[in-house]
Amino acid sequence: MKQYLTALFFFSSAMCAHAQTGSIEMSTGGFSFIPAFTSKEPNVIINASTNPKRRLTGAMMYMMRIQSMTPTTVVLFTRYRFIDKKFKATVGIHMPAFQMTEQYKVTSFFGRELTMNYPVSEKMSVGSFILNGQARNTDFKVTLISGNTNYRHKKWSFLSQGYYLTVGDLTGVAETISYDINKHFQAKAFGNYTITDGQVIGTVGLKYNL
């Protein structure tokens, strides 16, 4: 398994080298498409993608624990924007996503997503995100349904989310605040509150956009 993950790492590195856009982030936590599953461990998060202005894109996310330097998550996915007007709608497939423990125990997921977005003004947009996934080597299944608003003012950006998660029948809210330090660097803060069980997650990070 370690040899496979090593090969996957080099593939991911090669994709980063040839990507048309990407970023590297140092965070006190991690990142998850499902806010309630966000890691509380410090992580390095690497993203790489083909041109996001095209209808069909490919992307990769590689997340690694800072303390042990072991992988946390590797996701390879493709997205297609089938409505590309003022209102935008995009479908995506995670093919697949891998989650790893420090002992290299791997769980793989096959996921499907639907993203919709509509700008209500120059500064604000509203949208929704639906994710459905199933583990390939366990009986784990999950569906996330979320609504969001994204407000941008000068160098500040505020992404607010409300969501429902089938795992544990959870409802929650999350907030991501970003500040553009300059053309490349961005400071970020993330907070999640799961209303159902009272769980609180908070992270801060520094992101470098290539």
C-alpha atoms as a PDB file:
ATOM      1  CA  MET A   1       0.000   0.000   0.000  1.00  0.00           C
ATOM      2  CA  LYS A   2       2.859   2.407   0.793  1.00  0.00           C
ATOM      3  CA  GLN A   3       4.321   1.793  -2.667  1.00  0.00           C
ATOM      4  CA  TYR A   4       0.936   2.569  -4.221  1.00  0.00           C
ATOM      5  CA  LEU A   5       0.616   5.780  -2.236  1.00  0.00           C
ATOM      6  CA  THR A   6       4.148   6.773  -3.189  1.00  0.00           C
ATOM      7  CA  ALA A   7       3.289   6.309  -6.870  1.00  0.00           C
ATOM      8  CA  LEU A   8       0.108   8.315  -6.334  1.00  0.00           C
ATOM      9  CA  PHE A   9       2.136  11.090  -4.701  1.00  0.00           C
ATOM     10  CA  PHE A  10       4.511  11.314  -7.665  1.00  0.00           C
ATOM     11  CA  PHE A  11       1.535  11.332 -10.039  1.00  0.00           C
ATOM     12  CA  SER A  12       0.002  14.159  -8.035  1.00  0.00           C
ATOM     13  CA  SER A  13       3.317  16.037  -8.078  1.00  0.00           C
ATOM     14  CA  ALA A  14       3.527  15.659 -11.860  1.00  0.00           C
ATOM     15  CA  MET A  15      -0.013  16.972 -12.208  1.00  0.00           C
ATOM     16  CA  CYS A  16       0.886  19.990 -10.057  1.00  0.00           C
ATOM     17  CA  ALA A  17       3.885  20.688 -12.291  1.00  0.00           C
ATOM     18  CA  HIS A  18       1.680  20.763 -15.391  1.00  0.00           C
ATOM     19  CA  ALA A  19      -1.417  22.357 -13.823  1.00  0.00           C
ATOM     20  CA  GLN A  20      -2.778  25.643 -15.120  1.00  0.00           C
ATOM     21  CA  THR A  21      -3.812  26.798 -11.663  1.00  0.00           C
ATOM     22  CA  GLY A  22      -3.067  25.637  -8.143  1.00  0.00           C
ATOM     23  CA  SER A  23      -2.367  26.472  -4.512  1.00  0.00           C
ATOM     24  CA  ILE A  24      -0.436  25.338  -1.429  1.00  0.00           C
ATOM     25  CA  GLU A  25      -1.863  25.936   2.037  1.00  0.00           C
ATOM     26  CA  MET A  26      -0.478  25.469   5.555  1.00  0.00           C
ATOM     27  CA  SER A  27      -3.369  25.026   7.982  1.00  0.00           C
ATOM     28  CA  THR A  28      -3.899  24.255  11.660  1.00  0.00           C
ATOM     29  CA  GLY A  29      -6.548  21.801  10.430  1.00  0.00           C
ATOM     30  CA  GLY A  30      -7.496  20.194   7.164  1.00  0.00           C
ATOM     31  CA  PHE A  31     -10.123  20.581   4.484  1.00  0.00           C
ATOM     32  CA  SER A  32     -13.225  18.526   3.766  1.00  0.00           C
ATOM     33  CA  PHE A  33     -16.076  18.996   1.313  1.00  0.00           C
ATOM     34  CA  ILE A  34     -18.186  18.053   4.355  1.00  0.00           C
ATOM     35  CA  PRO A  35     -17.563  20.769   7.008  1.00  0.00           C
ATOM     36  CA  ALA A  36     -18.312  18.458   9.958  1.00  0.00           C
ATOM     37  CA  PHE A  37     -15.527  16.094   8.810  1.00  0.00           C
ATOM     38  CA  THR A  38     -12.804  18.756   8.776  1.00  0.00           C
ATOM     39  CA  SER A  39      -9.602  17.487  10.408  1.00  0.00           C
ATOM     40  CA  LYS A  40      -8.298  19.207  13.534  1.00  0.00           C
ATOM     41  CA  GLU A  41      -4.709  18.103  12.787  1.00  0.00           C
ATOM     42  CA  PRO A  42      -2.273  20.551  11.115  1.00  0.00           C
ATOM     43  CA  ASN A  43      -2.068  19.784   7.397  1.00  0.00           C
ATOM     44  CA  VAL A  44      -0.479  20.884   4.158  1.00  0.00           C
ATOM     45  CA  ILE A  45      -3.130  21.137   1.432  1.00  0.00           C
ATOM     46  CA  ILE A  46      -2.110  21.112  -2.239  1.00  0.00           C
ATOM     47  CA  ASN A  47      -4.588  21.813  -5.036  1.00  0.00           C
ATOM     48  CA  ALA A  48      -3.976  21.689  -8.781  1.00  0.00           C
ATOM     49  CA  SER A  49      -6.390  22.069 -11.683  1.00  0.00           C
ATOM     50  CA  THR A  50      -6.707  22.608 -15.398  1.00  0.00           C
ATOM     51  CA  ASN A  51      -8.130  25.920 -16.625  1.00  0.00           C
ATOM     52  CA  PRO A  52     -11.228  26.602 -14.425  1.00  0.00           C
ATOM     53  CA  LYS A  53     -12.731  28.837 -17.131  1.00  0.00           C
ATOM     54  CA  ARG A  54     -13.314  25.820 -19.360  1.00  0.00           C
ATOM     55  CA  ARG A  55     -16.479  23.768 -19.111  1.00  0.00           C
ATOM     56  CA  LEU A  56     -14.617  20.498 -18.540  1.00  0.00           C
ATOM     57  CA  THR A  57     -11.880  20.489 -15.896  1.00  0.00           C
ATOM     58  CA  GLY A  58      -9.709  18.001 -14.057  1.00  0.00           C
ATOM     59  CA  ALA A  59      -8.322  18.576 -10.585  1.00  0.00           C
ATOM     60  CA  MET A  60      -6.402  17.020  -7.727  1.00  0.00           C
ATOM     61  CA  MET A  61      -6.239  17.665  -3.978  1.00  0.00           C
ATOM     62  CA  TYR A  62      -3.442  16.217  -1.821  1.00  0.00           C
ATOM     63  CA  MET A  63      -3.530  16.718   1.943  1.00  0.00           C
ATOM     64  CA  MET A  64      -0.681  15.674   4.261  1.00  0.00           C
ATOM     65  CA  ARG A  65      -0.275  15.739   8.052  1.00  0.00           C
ATOM     66  CA  ILE A  66       2.475  18.158   9.050  1.00  0.00           C
ATOM     67  CA  GLN A  67       3.559  16.286  12.191  1.00  0.00           C
ATOM     68  CA  SER A  68       3.996  12.799  10.730  1.00  0.00           C
ATOM     69  CA  MET A  69       4.299  13.766   7.035  1.00  0.00           C
ATOM     70  CA  THR A  70       1.779  11.023   6.162  1.00  0.00           C
ATOM     71  CA  PRO A  71      -1.038  11.530   3.631  1.00  0.00           C
ATOM     72  CA  THR A  72      -4.489  12.422   4.947  1.00  0.00           C
ATOM     73  CA  THR A  73      -6.547  12.691   1.771  1.00  0.00           C
ATOM     74  CA  VAL A  74      -5.981  12.347  -1.960  1.00  0.00           C
ATOM     75  CA  VAL A  75      -8.803  13.242  -4.344  1.00  0.00           C
ATOM     76  CA  LEU A  76      -8.824  13.074  -8.133  1.00  0.00           C
ATOM     77  CA  PHE A  77     -11.926  14.523  -9.728  1.00  0.00           C
ATOM     78  CA  THR A  78     -13.370  15.934 -12.909  1.00  0.00           C
ATOM     79  CA  ARG A  79     -16.125  18.517 -13.326  1.00  0.00           C
ATOM     80  CA  TYR A  80     -18.337  19.628 -16.200  1.00  0.00           C
ATOM     81  CA  ARG A  81     -20.250  22.955 -16.214  1.00  0.00           C
ATOM     82  CA  PHE A  82     -23.425  22.063 -18.129  1.00  0.00           C
ATOM     83  CA  ILE A  83     -25.096  25.450 -17.588  1.00  0.00           C
ATOM     84  CA  ASP A  84     -22.732  28.350 -18.215  1.00  0.00           C
ATOM     85  CA  LYS A  85     -24.737  31.545 -18.187  1.00  0.00           C
ATOM     86  CA  LYS A  86     -25.423  33.974 -15.340  1.00  0.00           C
ATOM     87  CA  PHE A  87     -26.738  30.933 -13.502  1.00  0.00           C
ATOM     88  CA  LYS A  88     -24.100  28.216 -13.457  1.00  0.00           C
ATOM     89  CA  ALA A  89     -24.470  24.497 -12.721  1.00  0.00           C
ATOM     90  CA  THR A  90     -21.648  21.959 -12.558  1.00  0.00           C
ATOM     91  CA  VAL A  91     -21.563  18.202 -12.050  1.00  0.00           C
ATOM     92  CA  GLY A  92     -18.507  16.390 -10.776  1.00  0.00           C
ATOM     93  CA  ILE A  93     -17.167  12.912 -10.106  1.00  0.00           C
ATOM     94  CA  HIS A  94     -14.563  11.972  -7.482  1.00  0.00           C
ATOM     95  CA  MET A  95     -12.695   9.083  -9.068  1.00  0.00           C
ATOM     96  CA  PRO A  96     -11.951   8.173  -6.396  1.00  0.00           C
ATOM     97  CA  ALA A  97     -11.139   9.883  -3.105  1.00  0.00           C
ATOM     98  CA  PHE A  98      -8.770   8.250  -0.617  1.00  0.00           C
ATOM     99  CA  GLN A  99      -8.611   8.832   3.125  1.00  0.00           C
ATOM    100  CA  MET A 100      -5.634   7.446   5.073  1.00  0.00           C
ATOM    101  CA  THR A 101      -4.694   6.913   8.699  1.00  0.00           C
ATOM    102  CA  GLU A 102      -1.135   7.384   9.933  1.00  0.00           C
ATOM    103  CA  GLN A 103      -0.793   3.595   9.718  1.00  0.00           C
ATOM    104  CA  TYR A 104      -1.679   3.804   5.995  1.00  0.00           C
ATOM    105  CA  LYS A 105      -5.061   2.177   6.403  1.00  0.00           C
ATOM    106  CA  VAL A 106      -6.954   3.393   3.333  1.00  0.00           C
ATOM    107  CA  THR A 107     -10.639   3.982   2.725  1.00  0.00           C
ATOM    108  CA  SER A 108     -11.589   4.803  -0.863  1.00  0.00           C
ATOM    109  CA  PHE A 109     -14.724   6.664  -1.884  1.00  0.00           C
ATOM    110  CA  PHE A 110     -16.594   7.196  -5.123  1.00  0.00           C
ATOM    111  CA  GLY A 111     -18.415  10.529  -5.043  1.00  0.00           C
ATOM    112  CA  ARG A 112     -20.797  12.552  -7.166  1.00  0.00           C
ATOM    113  CA  GLU A 113     -21.433  16.273  -6.751  1.00  0.00           C
ATOM    114  CA  LEU A 114     -23.710  19.003  -8.067  1.00  0.00           C
ATOM    115  CA  THR A 115     -22.818  22.685  -7.637  1.00  0.00           C
ATOM    116  CA  MET A 116     -25.134  25.585  -8.511  1.00  0.00           C
ATOM    117  CA  ASN A 117     -24.362  29.290  -8.295  1.00  0.00           C
ATOM    118  CA  TYR A 118     -26.152  32.555  -9.080  1.00  0.00           C
ATOM    119  CA  PRO A 119     -24.749  36.097  -8.605  1.00  0.00           C
ATOM    120  CA  VAL A 120     -27.311  38.438  -7.037  1.00  0.00           C
ATOM    121  CA  SER A 121     -24.937  41.412  -7.230  1.00  0.00           C
ATOM    122  CA  GLU A 122     -21.311  42.248  -8.023  1.00  0.00           C
ATOM    123  CA  LYS A 123     -20.360  41.432  -4.433  1.00  0.00           C
ATOM    124  CA  MET A 124     -22.679  38.574  -3.498  1.00  0.00           C
ATOM    125  CA  SER A 125     -23.714  35.207  -4.892  1.00  0.00           C
ATOM    126  CA  VAL A 126     -25.931  32.395  -3.627  1.00  0.00           C
ATOM    127  CA  GLY A 127     -25.545  28.714  -4.348  1.00  0.00           C
ATOM    128  CA  SER A 128     -25.922  25.114  -3.315  1.00  0.00           C
ATOM    129  CA  PHE A 129     -23.721  22.040  -3.142  1.00  0.00           C
ATOM    130  CA  ILE A 130     -24.880  18.417  -3.074  1.00  0.00           C
ATOM    131  CA  LEU A 131     -22.446  15.547  -2.519  1.00  0.00           C
ATOM    132  CA  ASN A 132     -23.288  11.859  -2.551  1.00  0.00           C
ATOM    133  CA  GLY A 133     -20.625   9.268  -1.841  1.00  0.00           C
ATOM    134  CA  GLN A 134     -20.092   5.645  -1.012  1.00  0.00           C
ATOM    135  CA  ALA A 135     -17.005   3.868   0.301  1.00  0.00           C
ATOM    136  CA  ARG A 136     -15.689   1.100  -1.931  1.00  0.00           C
ATOM    137  CA  ASN A 137     -14.204  -1.071   0.828  1.00  0.00           C
ATOM    138  CA  THR A 138     -16.741  -0.445   3.655  1.00  0.00           C
ATOM    139  CA  ASP A 139     -20.510   0.052   3.880  1.00  0.00           C
ATOM    140  CA  PHE A 140     -20.133   3.800   4.593  1.00  0.00           C
ATOM    141  CA  LYS A 141     -22.545   6.043   2.635  1.00  0.00           C
ATOM    142  CA  VAL A 142     -23.053   9.790   2.889  1.00  0.00           C
ATOM    143  CA  THR A 143     -25.154  12.561   1.363  1.00  0.00           C
ATOM    144  CA  LEU A 144     -24.506  16.248   2.007  1.00  0.00           C
ATOM    145  CA  ILE A 145     -27.009  18.962   1.049  1.00  0.00           C
ATOM    146  CA  SER A 146     -25.897  22.547   1.607  1.00  0.00           C
ATOM    147  CA  GLY A 147     -26.837  26.104   0.729  1.00  0.00           C
ATOM    148  CA  ASN A 148     -24.377  28.985   0.770  1.00  0.00           C
ATOM    149  CA  THR A 149     -23.802  32.668   0.254  1.00  0.00           C
ATOM    150  CA  ASN A 150     -20.504  34.202  -0.838  1.00  0.00           C
ATOM    151  CA  TYR A 151     -19.945  37.892  -0.113  1.00  0.00           C
ATOM    152  CA  ARG A 152     -16.819  39.691  -1.291  1.00  0.00           C
ATOM    153  CA  HIS A 153     -15.765  43.212  -0.286  1.00  0.00           C
ATOM    154  CA  LYS A 154     -12.418  44.531  -1.469  1.00  0.00           C
ATOM    155  CA  LYS A 155      -9.826  42.048  -0.135  1.00  0.00           C
ATOM    156  CA  TRP A 156     -12.287  40.197   2.115  1.00  0.00           C
ATOM    157  CA  SER A 157     -14.405  37.161   1.267  1.00  0.00           C
ATOM    158  CA  PHE A 158     -17.084  35.533   3.449  1.00  0.00           C
ATOM    159  CA  LEU A 159     -18.464  32.105   2.562  1.00  0.00           C
ATOM    160  CA  SER A 160     -21.412  31.111   4.775  1.00  0.00           C
ATOM    161  CA  GLN A 161     -22.914  27.618   4.664  1.00  0.00           C
ATOM    162  CA  GLY A 162     -25.842  25.768   6.158  1.00  0.00           C
ATOM    163  CA  TYR A 163     -25.989  22.014   5.614  1.00  0.00           C
ATOM    164  CA  TYR A 164     -27.662  18.692   6.324  1.00  0.00           C
ATOM    165  CA  LEU A 165     -25.665  15.468   6.535  1.00  0.00           C
ATOM    166  CA  THR A 166     -27.234  12.009   6.439  1.00  0.00           C
ATOM    167  CA  VAL A 167     -24.456  10.501   8.589  1.00  0.00           C
ATOM    168  CA  GLY A 168     -25.720  10.961  12.142  1.00  0.00           C
ATOM    169  CA  ASP A 169     -28.650  12.999  10.809  1.00  0.00           C
ATOM    170  CA  LEU A 170     -26.552  16.136  11.367  1.00  0.00           C
ATOM    171  CA  THR A 171     -27.320  19.780  10.635  1.00  0.00           C
ATOM    172  CA  GLY A 172     -24.711  22.497  10.890  1.00  0.00           C
ATOM    173  CA  VAL A 173     -23.382  25.870   9.835  1.00  0.00           C
ATOM    174  CA  ALA A 174     -19.896  26.826   8.658  1.00  0.00           C
ATOM    175  CA  GLU A 175     -18.062  30.038   7.836  1.00  0.00           C
ATOM    176  CA  THR A 176     -14.884  30.594   5.816  1.00  0.00           C
ATOM    177  CA  ILE A 177     -13.276  34.043   5.959  1.00  0.00           C
ATOM    178  CA  SER A 178     -10.482  34.902   3.529  1.00  0.00           C
ATOM    179  CA  TYR A 179      -8.258  37.972   3.226  1.00  0.00           C
ATOM    180  CA  ASP A 180      -6.079  38.631   0.171  1.00  0.00           C
ATOM    181  CA  ILE A 181      -2.708  39.775   1.507  1.00  0.00           C
ATOM    182  CA  ASN A 182      -1.376  40.298  -2.005  1.00  0.00           C
ATOM    183  CA  LYS A 183      -1.566  38.732  -5.465  1.00  0.00           C
ATOM    184  CA  HIS A 184      -0.383  35.334  -4.236  1.00  0.00           C
ATOM    185  CA  PHE A 185      -0.888  35.073  -0.469  1.00  0.00           C
ATOM    186  CA  GLN A 186      -4.226  34.679   1.293  1.00  0.00           C
ATOM    187  CA  ALA A 187      -5.012  34.358   5.005  1.00  0.00           C
ATOM    188  CA  LYS A 188      -7.931  32.068   5.884  1.00  0.00           C
ATOM    189  CA  ALA A 189     -10.055  31.204   8.900  1.00  0.00           C
ATOM    190  CA  PHE A 190     -12.677  28.449   9.054  1.00  0.00           C
ATOM    191  CA  GLY A 191     -15.292  27.646  11.660  1.00  0.00           C
ATOM    192  CA  ASN A 192     -17.906  24.888  11.856  1.00  0.00           C
ATOM    193  CA  TYR A 193     -20.698  24.355  14.366  1.00  0.00           C
ATOM    194  CA  THR A 194     -22.722  21.159  14.200  1.00  0.00           C
ATOM    195  CA  ILE A 195     -26.084  22.075  15.685  1.00  0.00           C
ATOM    196  CA  THR A 196     -27.167  18.479  16.281  1.00  0.00           C
ATOM    197  CA  ASP A 197     -24.303  17.464  18.599  1.00  0.00           C
ATOM    198  CA  GLY A 198     -22.670  20.807  19.449  1.00  0.00           C
ATOM    199  CA  GLN A 199     -19.323  19.972  17.811  1.00  0.00           C
ATOM    200  CA  VAL A 200     -17.096  22.983  17.108  1.00  0.00           C
ATOM    201  CA  ILE A 201     -14.168  22.991  14.674  1.00  0.00           C
ATOM    202  CA  GLY A 202     -11.911  25.967  13.993  1.00  0.00           C
ATOM    203  CA  THR A 203      -8.847  26.346  11.764  1.00  0.00           C
ATOM    204  CA  VAL A 204      -6.607  29.098  10.417  1.00  0.00           C
ATOM    205  CA  GLY A 205      -4.264  28.906   7.469  1.00  0.00           C
ATOM    206  CA  LEU A 206      -2.007  30.675   5.020  1.00  0.00           C
ATOM    207  CA  LYS A 207      -2.521  29.942   1.354  1.00  0.00           C
ATOM    208  CA  TYR A 208      -0.207  30.569  -1.592  1.00  0.00           C
ATOM    209  CA  ASN A 209      -1.868  30.769  -5.010  1.00  0.00           C
ATOM    210  CA  LEU A 210       0.387  29.852  -7.917  1.00  0.00           C
END
